[in-house]
Amino acid sequence: MNVNLRYFASLREALGQAESLAIPAGTSVGALRDLLIERGGAHAEALARGRAIRTALDQTLCGEAALLHDGAEVAFFPPVTGG
């Protein structure tokens, strides 16, 4: 199945605005992040497990256990801080 990835803020600067990716059926958001980290390079650095990253599935915030579906839009972004 195919999913559409979008990156925001510092992740967009490191990885670009968007990309599409073919993944196995039954993949979760967390497993998708691990697949991207396994690519190495900029993906491994930007999405590293030690970094705080928020995710949204079809424009709704979600946890890493959320299961993806064909055509899903997954957004990755750093947490927002203010003050």
Foldseek 3Di string as FASTA:
>chain_A
DKEKEAEDDVLCVQPNGIDMDDDDAFAFQLNVLVVQLVVDDSSVVVSPPVAAKWKDKQNHTDDRRHGDDPHIYMYIYHDDDDD
